[in-house]
Amino acid sequence: MDSALAILADDVEARAFRDLFSAAPAPLAQALGLEIADVEDTTLLIARNIPDTMFNRAIGLGLHAPATPSRIDAIAAKYRDAGVRDWWLHVNPAASPAALGAWVEARGYTVPRRRSWAKMLRPASPAPRFDTDVTVRDVGPSEAADVAAAIAHAFGMPPPMSVWIGALAGRPGWRVVGAFTDRAIGGACVHLQGENAWLGIGGVRSDARGRGAHRALMAARIQAAIDAGCRWIVTETGEPIGEEHNPSLANMVRCGFERACSRANYAAPQPATS
């Protein structure tokens, strides 16, 4: 493992999610209880009214300064004060000290079924080409609602979430790419960060899969990052459980991504019940 690249992968993801949270329209952000908090080098994503650890998790502990037991406790206190019961603490293998995982487990954190995420990274080498009958193109504000609705459908998100995704079209630093047949069937986003880019929020409607749209969306975003002058392109996905097949991970590999590291997930300790 290249520790510098493993750290870069988490830094890029945290930066993208910070701006993603900032992009939510104010009424929606208030309704969802969105907040970004910091405990020294750790970014805390907080969404009080979204019962999903994707939006409630801590990224970066121990990557830029050695973690301490008190810092772990301060992170837990932030979520407790926010009223968030279910959240994850990520532990990157490049984090220090080596005892970090043991400290976390000693505080009652448990390993969830999705034990780890694959942090994937590729250089800005030429994007692959894939044959597909799906049209993939950049999306402006006029098409954002339809593409965002298709992405929300792909992830099983409630309709209000599409408003948040749609707000990224035209936002500085973001590009939204749509997949079309006679309608919008999916889409995906890329966050451009100078020399680095983050790929995420990509999905295709369940009734339109198997046509190569997901791969084409990934290739289009890779090309967007190259055109923007990026050096590294970062993404991530849950690592397979047992014999589980992860099409997203397979497509990342087809598109030239390699594992920077496997990042451990720890579920927050739960209060004792009587």
Protein backbone atom coordinates (compact mmCIF):
# COMPACT_ATOMS: atom_id res chain seq x y z
CA MET A 1 0.00 0.00 0.00
CA ASP A 2 1.20 3.50 -0.86
CA SER A 3 0.28 5.44 2.28
CA ALA A 4 0.39 8.81 0.52
CA LEU A 5 -2.14 7.68 -2.07
CA ALA A 6 -4.37 6.06 0.58
CA ILE A 7 -4.42 9.38 2.46
CA LEU A 8 -5.08 11.30 -0.76
CA ALA A 9 -8.05 9.06 -1.53
CA ASP A 10 -9.72 9.90 1.80
CA ASP A 11 -8.88 13.60 1.55
CA VAL A 12 -10.48 13.86 -1.89
CA GLU A 13 -13.62 12.05 -0.75
CA ALA A 14 -13.97 14.23 2.35
CA ARG A 15 -13.55 17.40 0.30
CA ALA A 16 -16.21 16.29 -2.18
CA PHE A 17 -18.72 15.47 0.55
CA ARG A 18 -18.10 18.75 2.31
CA ASP A 19 -19.10 20.60 -0.85
CA LEU A 20 -21.95 18.17 -1.52
CA PHE A 21 -23.47 19.03 1.85
CA SER A 22 -22.96 22.74 1.15
CA ALA A 23 -24.77 22.36 -2.19
CA ALA A 24 -28.08 21.24 -0.67
CA PRO A 25 -30.74 23.95 -1.02
CA ALA A 26 -31.28 25.62 2.35
CA PRO A 27 -34.85 24.38 2.99
CA LEU A 28 -33.82 20.80 2.20
CA ALA A 29 -30.63 21.04 4.25
CA GLN A 30 -32.67 22.21 7.21
CA ALA A 31 -35.28 19.48 6.77
CA LEU A 32 -32.58 16.80 6.54
CA GLY A 33 -30.55 18.21 9.41
CA LEU A 34 -27.36 18.44 7.37
CA GLU A 35 -24.16 19.57 9.06
CA ILE A 36 -20.42 19.28 8.60
CA ALA A 37 -18.37 19.21 11.79
CA ASP A 38 -14.64 18.91 12.37
CA VAL A 39 -12.66 17.23 15.10
CA GLU A 40 -9.13 18.35 14.24
CA ASP A 41 -8.24 16.40 11.05
CA THR A 42 -11.49 14.42 10.93
CA THR A 43 -14.49 15.43 8.79
CA LEU A 44 -17.85 14.50 10.31
CA LEU A 45 -20.83 14.16 7.97
CA ILE A 46 -24.02 14.63 9.96
CA ALA A 47 -27.56 14.21 8.61
CA ARG A 48 -29.93 14.07 11.57
CA ASN A 49 -32.96 13.10 9.53
CA ILE A 50 -31.39 10.62 7.09
CA PRO A 51 -31.17 7.20 8.77
CA ASP A 52 -28.28 6.08 6.57
CA THR A 53 -24.60 5.79 7.44
CA MET A 54 -23.65 7.04 3.96
CA PHE A 55 -24.58 10.49 5.23
CA ASN A 56 -23.49 9.97 8.84
CA ARG A 57 -19.82 9.02 9.02
CA ALA A 58 -16.41 10.31 10.05
CA ILE A 59 -13.56 10.46 7.51
CA GLY A 60 -9.85 11.09 8.07
CA LEU A 61 -9.12 10.18 11.68
CA GLY A 62 -5.38 9.75 12.22
CA LEU A 63 -4.34 10.64 8.68
CA HIS A 64 -2.65 14.00 9.24
CA ALA A 65 -1.90 13.75 12.96
CA PRO A 66 -1.81 10.69 15.20
CA ALA A 67 -5.24 9.87 16.61
CA THR A 68 -5.76 9.91 20.36
CA PRO A 69 -8.37 8.29 22.60
CA SER A 70 -9.70 11.75 23.47
CA ARG A 71 -10.20 12.54 19.78
CA ILE A 72 -12.20 9.35 19.30
CA ASP A 73 -14.36 10.35 22.26
CA ALA A 74 -14.81 13.88 20.89
CA ILE A 75 -16.10 12.49 17.58
CA ALA A 76 -18.63 10.31 19.41
CA ALA A 77 -19.72 13.32 21.47
CA LYS A 78 -20.43 15.34 18.32
CA TYR A 79 -22.78 12.68 16.98
CA ARG A 80 -24.39 12.17 20.36
CA ASP A 81 -25.03 15.92 20.69
CA ALA A 82 -26.50 15.93 17.18
CA GLY A 83 -28.91 13.16 18.12
CA VAL A 84 -27.50 10.73 15.54
CA ARG A 85 -27.55 7.15 16.80
CA ASP A 86 -26.27 5.20 13.78
CA TRP A 87 -23.05 6.38 12.21
CA TRP A 88 -19.74 4.96 11.04
CA LEU A 89 -16.15 5.75 11.88
CA HIS A 90 -13.80 4.99 8.98
CA VAL A 91 -10.28 3.79 9.77
CA ASN A 92 -7.86 4.02 6.87
CA PRO A 93 -4.90 1.58 7.06
CA ALA A 94 -2.58 4.60 6.61
CA ALA A 95 -3.91 6.15 9.84
CA SER A 96 -1.74 6.32 12.93
CA PRO A 97 -1.06 5.06 15.49
CA ALA A 98 -1.19 1.33 14.77
CA ALA A 99 -3.28 0.87 17.91
CA LEU A 100 -6.16 2.95 16.51
CA GLY A 101 -8.35 -0.01 15.56
CA ALA A 102 -7.89 -1.56 18.99
CA TRP A 103 -8.79 1.73 20.70
CA VAL A 104 -11.96 1.98 18.62
CA GLU A 105 -13.03 -1.59 19.38
CA ALA A 106 -12.31 -1.12 23.08
CA ARG A 107 -14.89 1.68 23.09
CA GLY A 108 -17.65 -0.62 21.89
CA TYR A 109 -17.52 0.03 18.15
CA THR A 110 -18.48 -3.00 16.11
CA VAL A 111 -17.66 -4.22 12.63
CA PRO A 112 -20.77 -3.99 10.42
CA ARG A 113 -21.70 -6.49 7.75
CA ARG A 114 -20.12 -4.17 5.16
CA ARG A 115 -16.73 -4.41 6.82
CA SER A 116 -14.78 -2.22 4.44
CA TRP A 117 -14.80 0.05 1.42
CA ALA A 118 -12.45 -0.21 -1.52
CA LYS A 119 -10.77 3.16 -2.02
CA MET A 120 -10.05 3.23 -5.74
CA LEU A 121 -7.65 5.50 -7.59
CA ARG A 122 -6.29 5.94 -11.10
CA PRO A 123 -3.95 8.40 -12.79
CA ALA A 124 -5.28 10.71 -15.46
CA SER A 125 -4.38 8.34 -18.28
CA PRO A 126 -6.70 8.19 -21.33
CA ALA A 127 -10.29 7.23 -20.60
CA PRO A 128 -11.47 3.86 -21.94
CA ARG A 129 -14.11 3.60 -24.65
CA PHE A 130 -17.13 1.31 -24.43
CA ASP A 131 -19.75 0.35 -27.00
CA THR A 132 -23.26 1.29 -25.91
CA ASP A 133 -26.49 2.45 -27.51
CA VAL A 134 -26.94 4.92 -24.65
CA THR A 135 -26.15 8.59 -25.18
CA VAL A 136 -23.95 10.06 -22.45
CA ARG A 137 -23.45 13.82 -22.20
CA ASP A 138 -22.95 16.69 -19.81
CA VAL A 139 -26.09 17.96 -18.16
CA GLY A 140 -27.02 21.58 -17.61
CA PRO A 141 -29.66 23.03 -15.30
CA SER A 142 -32.44 22.47 -17.87
CA GLU A 143 -31.99 18.67 -17.81
CA ALA A 144 -30.83 18.37 -14.23
CA ALA A 145 -34.21 17.47 -12.74
CA ASP A 146 -34.79 14.50 -15.05
CA VAL A 147 -31.27 13.13 -14.60
CA ALA A 148 -31.35 13.67 -10.85
CA ALA A 149 -34.68 11.83 -10.64
CA ALA A 150 -33.16 8.88 -12.54
CA ILE A 151 -30.17 8.78 -10.15
CA ALA A 152 -32.46 8.94 -7.12
CA HIS A 153 -34.54 6.10 -8.56
CA ALA A 154 -31.39 4.03 -9.14
CA PHE A 155 -30.42 4.33 -5.47
CA GLY A 156 -33.94 3.94 -4.12
CA MET A 157 -33.86 7.46 -2.68
CA PRO A 158 -37.07 9.35 -1.91
CA PRO A 159 -37.99 12.02 -4.50
CA PRO A 160 -36.82 15.02 -2.39
CA MET A 161 -33.25 13.75 -2.69
CA SER A 162 -33.30 14.45 -6.42
CA VAL A 163 -33.54 18.17 -5.64
CA TRP A 164 -30.20 17.92 -3.87
CA ILE A 165 -28.55 16.01 -6.71
CA GLY A 166 -29.99 18.43 -9.26
CA ALA A 167 -28.43 21.36 -7.43
CA LEU A 168 -24.98 20.12 -8.48
CA ALA A 169 -25.59 20.84 -12.18
CA GLY A 170 -23.89 24.14 -12.89
CA ARG A 171 -22.35 24.40 -9.41
CA PRO A 172 -18.68 25.47 -9.53
CA GLY A 173 -16.39 22.46 -9.29
CA TRP A 174 -19.08 19.95 -10.27
CA ARG A 175 -19.97 18.26 -13.52
CA VAL A 176 -23.12 16.16 -13.89
CA VAL A 177 -23.25 13.62 -16.72
CA GLY A 178 -26.50 12.05 -17.89
CA ALA A 179 -27.30 8.78 -19.65
CA PHE A 180 -30.16 8.96 -22.16
CA THR A 181 -32.20 6.72 -24.44
CA ASP A 182 -35.57 8.25 -25.22
CA ARG A 183 -35.48 9.52 -21.63
CA ALA A 184 -32.98 10.06 -18.85
CA ILE A 185 -32.08 6.61 -17.48
CA GLY A 186 -29.24 7.55 -15.16
CA GLY A 187 -26.44 9.89 -14.38
CA ALA A 188 -23.35 10.53 -12.32
CA CYS A 189 -21.24 13.33 -10.85
CA VAL A 190 -17.61 14.38 -10.71
CA HIS A 191 -16.13 16.90 -8.28
CA LEU A 192 -13.07 18.68 -9.65
CA GLN A 193 -10.48 19.72 -7.08
CA GLY A 194 -7.51 21.15 -8.95
CA GLU A 195 -5.09 18.25 -9.45
CA ASN A 196 -7.61 15.72 -8.14
CA ALA A 197 -11.15 14.62 -8.94
CA TRP A 198 -13.77 12.55 -7.15
CA LEU A 199 -16.29 10.35 -8.94
CA GLY A 200 -19.55 9.52 -7.19
CA ILE A 201 -23.35 9.56 -7.10
CA GLY A 202 -23.54 7.41 -10.22
CA GLY A 203 -26.47 5.15 -10.96
CA VAL A 204 -28.73 3.76 -13.69
CA ARG A 205 -32.41 2.94 -13.33
CA SER A 206 -33.00 -0.74 -12.60
CA ASP A 207 -35.18 -1.12 -15.71
CA ALA A 208 -32.42 0.22 -17.98
CA ARG A 209 -29.36 -1.69 -16.83
CA GLY A 210 -27.26 -4.10 -18.88
CA ARG A 211 -26.63 -1.66 -21.73
CA GLY A 212 -23.20 -0.38 -20.68
CA ALA A 213 -24.50 2.94 -19.36
CA HIS A 214 -22.68 2.72 -16.03
CA ARG A 215 -19.31 2.12 -17.69
CA ALA A 216 -19.96 4.91 -20.18
CA LEU A 217 -20.82 7.32 -17.37
CA MET A 218 -17.57 6.44 -15.62
CA ALA A 219 -15.51 6.90 -18.79
CA ALA A 220 -17.14 10.28 -19.45
CA ARG A 221 -16.27 11.51 -15.97
CA ILE A 222 -12.70 10.27 -16.28
CA GLN A 223 -12.42 12.29 -19.49
CA ALA A 224 -13.92 15.34 -17.76
CA ALA A 225 -11.25 15.08 -15.05
CA ILE A 226 -8.50 14.76 -17.67
CA ASP A 227 -9.86 17.77 -19.57
CA ALA A 228 -9.80 19.76 -16.31
CA GLY A 229 -6.09 19.00 -15.83
CA CYS A 230 -6.45 16.57 -12.93
CA ARG A 231 -3.60 14.27 -12.00
CA TRP A 232 -5.47 11.70 -9.87
CA ILE A 233 -9.05 10.43 -9.99
CA VAL A 234 -10.59 8.91 -6.87
CA THR A 235 -13.72 6.91 -6.13
CA GLU A 236 -14.88 4.23 -3.70
CA THR A 237 -17.39 1.45 -3.23
CA GLY A 238 -18.32 -1.17 -0.67
CA GLU A 239 -16.16 -4.26 -0.84
CA PRO A 240 -18.03 -7.47 -1.67
CA ILE A 241 -19.42 -9.58 1.14
CA GLY A 242 -18.61 -13.24 0.57
CA GLU A 243 -19.45 -14.18 -3.01
CA GLU A 244 -21.41 -10.98 -3.60
CA HIS A 245 -20.95 -9.38 -7.02
CA ASN A 246 -20.33 -5.64 -7.09
CA PRO A 247 -20.88 -4.31 -10.63
CA SER A 248 -19.60 -0.87 -9.65
CA LEU A 249 -16.29 -2.29 -8.46
CA ALA A 250 -15.99 -4.39 -11.63
CA ASN A 251 -16.58 -1.32 -13.79
CA MET A 252 -14.01 0.67 -11.83
CA VAL A 253 -11.42 -1.99 -12.56
CA ARG A 254 -12.41 -2.03 -16.25
CA CYS A 255 -11.90 1.73 -16.25
CA GLY A 256 -8.35 1.48 -14.92
CA PHE A 257 -8.90 2.06 -11.21
CA GLU A 258 -6.80 0.18 -8.67
CA ARG A 259 -7.23 -0.19 -4.92
CA ALA A 260 -5.38 2.48 -2.99
CA CYS A 261 -6.45 0.63 0.18
CA SER A 262 -9.27 -1.20 1.91
CA ARG A 263 -10.72 1.15 4.53
CA ALA A 264 -12.32 -0.38 7.60
CA ASN A 265 -15.79 0.59 8.79
CA TYR A 266 -16.76 0.72 12.45
CA ALA A 267 -20.36 1.12 13.57
CA ALA A 268 -20.87 3.44 16.50
CA PRO A 269 -21.46 1.86 19.90
CA GLN A 270 -25.10 1.74 20.92
CA PRO A 271 -26.40 2.70 24.36
CA ALA A 272 -27.31 -0.19 26.62
CA THR A 273 -31.01 -0.99 26.86
CA SER A 274 -32.68 -2.10 30.04
